Amino acid sequence: MTGAMDAAQRDEWWLASLGRIVIWARLRVREAGTAEVLDSDGNTLVYDSEDTARAMLLDAEFVELEGLAEEDAAERGFLLDELTPPQGDDDSVLQAGMVQTLRGGNA
């Protein structure tokens, strides 16, 4: 990671769930204060501020991965250890992993 990259943008992973299916969204905050959300369909949605983007994600019942507690994950039906955001060098690679079906269960 380069310091210049860190100063220019910050990425956060958000998730929504339906049973054992996890839907990811990436919130990217730009240096200028604008924000982009990469959704599970591969769309990049642009917002005027981080607050607006966060409000949109919350309205869509997404939660931020960073702030998710074990208890919150359990209420959704999975363990924190099961959650791994998509990884890739570009958005098209990431998009392939934006919807994940978790195996097993934590019964």
Protein backbone atom coordinates (compact mmCIF):
# COMPACT_ATOMS: atom_id res chain seq x y z
CA MET A 1 0.00 0.00 0.00
CA THR A 2 1.23 3.45 -0.77
CA GLY A 3 0.69 6.46 1.44
CA ALA A 4 -0.58 8.46 -1.54
CA MET A 5 -3.25 5.84 -2.24
CA ASP A 6 -4.35 5.89 1.40
CA ALA A 7 -4.67 9.68 1.33
CA ALA A 8 -6.66 9.66 -1.90
CA GLN A 9 -9.33 7.16 -0.95
CA ARG A 10 -10.58 4.83 1.74
CA ASP A 11 -12.54 1.62 1.16
CA GLU A 12 -15.07 0.07 3.52
CA TRP A 13 -16.91 -3.23 3.05
CA TRP A 14 -20.63 -3.43 3.82
CA LEU A 15 -22.88 -6.47 3.71
CA ALA A 16 -26.50 -7.50 3.64
CA SER A 17 -27.71 -11.03 4.12
CA LEU A 18 -30.59 -13.28 3.25
CA GLY A 19 -30.22 -16.52 5.14
CA ARG A 20 -26.76 -17.86 4.30
CA ILE A 21 -26.38 -15.57 1.27
CA VAL A 22 -24.17 -12.51 1.80
CA ILE A 23 -24.36 -9.55 -0.57
CA TRP A 24 -21.36 -7.23 -0.48
CA ALA A 25 -21.02 -3.55 -1.31
CA ARG A 26 -17.82 -1.51 -1.31
CA LEU A 27 -18.00 2.07 -0.12
CA ARG A 28 -15.09 4.11 -1.45
CA VAL A 29 -14.60 7.57 0.01
CA ARG A 30 -12.64 9.87 -2.29
CA GLU A 31 -10.22 12.56 -1.16
CA ALA A 32 -12.63 15.26 -2.35
CA GLY A 33 -15.30 13.96 0.06
CA THR A 34 -17.46 12.29 -2.57
CA ALA A 35 -18.24 8.60 -2.30
CA GLU A 36 -18.84 5.65 -4.60
CA VAL A 37 -20.59 2.38 -3.88
CA LEU A 38 -19.77 -0.69 -5.96
CA ASP A 39 -22.87 -2.86 -5.77
CA SER A 40 -23.36 -6.57 -6.36
CA ASP A 41 -24.47 -5.95 -9.95
CA GLY A 42 -21.14 -4.29 -10.75
CA ASN A 43 -22.64 -0.79 -10.81
CA THR A 44 -20.68 2.11 -9.34
CA LEU A 45 -23.10 4.52 -7.71
CA VAL A 46 -21.71 8.02 -7.05
CA TYR A 47 -22.80 10.12 -4.07
CA ASP A 48 -22.09 13.70 -3.06
CA SER A 49 -20.78 12.66 0.36
CA GLU A 50 -19.83 9.73 2.55
CA ASP A 51 -22.88 10.43 4.73
CA THR A 52 -25.24 10.15 1.75
CA ALA A 53 -23.65 6.87 0.64
CA ARG A 54 -23.82 5.45 4.18
CA ALA A 55 -27.48 6.46 4.48
CA MET A 56 -28.25 4.67 1.20
CA LEU A 57 -26.51 1.50 2.40
CA LEU A 58 -28.30 1.61 5.77
CA ASP A 59 -31.66 2.14 4.04
CA ALA A 60 -30.94 -0.98 1.98
CA GLU A 61 -30.29 -2.91 5.24
CA PHE A 62 -26.52 -3.14 4.78
CA VAL A 63 -24.19 -3.06 7.79
CA GLU A 64 -20.53 -2.12 7.88
CA LEU A 65 -18.27 -5.16 8.24
CA GLU A 66 -15.78 -3.25 10.40
CA GLY A 67 -18.38 -2.55 13.09
CA LEU A 68 -20.12 -5.93 13.02
CA ALA A 69 -20.01 -7.79 16.35
CA GLU A 70 -20.13 -11.58 16.81
CA GLU A 71 -23.64 -11.25 18.26
CA ASP A 72 -24.86 -9.24 15.27
CA ALA A 73 -23.43 -11.81 12.88
CA ALA A 74 -25.07 -14.62 14.86
CA GLU A 75 -28.44 -12.86 14.62
CA ARG A 76 -27.98 -12.88 10.85
CA GLY A 77 -27.16 -16.60 10.92
CA PHE A 78 -23.40 -16.73 10.44
CA LEU A 79 -20.06 -16.27 12.18
CA LEU A 80 -17.73 -13.32 11.66
CA ASP A 81 -14.96 -15.76 10.72
CA GLU A 82 -17.04 -16.86 7.71
CA LEU A 83 -17.04 -13.36 6.19
CA THR A 84 -14.40 -12.55 3.62
CA PRO A 85 -14.99 -9.57 1.33
CA PRO A 86 -14.35 -10.12 -2.37
CA GLN A 87 -10.76 -9.65 -3.47
CA GLY A 88 -9.38 -8.60 -6.81
CA ASP A 89 -7.33 -6.06 -8.68
CA ASP A 90 -10.25 -4.37 -10.42
CA ASP A 91 -13.98 -3.92 -10.05
CA SER A 92 -14.87 -6.55 -12.66
CA VAL A 93 -12.95 -9.18 -10.69
CA LEU A 94 -14.52 -8.02 -7.42
CA GLN A 95 -18.01 -8.14 -8.92
CA ALA A 96 -17.77 -11.90 -9.42
CA GLY A 97 -17.55 -12.37 -5.63
CA MET A 98 -20.09 -9.77 -4.51
CA VAL A 99 -22.74 -12.42 -3.76
CA GLN A 100 -21.53 -15.32 -1.64
CA THR A 101 -23.35 -18.37 -0.31
CA LEU A 102 -21.86 -19.43 3.01
CA ARG A 103 -21.46 -23.15 3.54
CA GLY A 104 -22.79 -25.12 6.46
CA GLY A 105 -24.43 -23.37 9.36
CA ASN A 106 -23.76 -22.38 12.93
CA ALA A 107 -26.60 -24.33 14.52
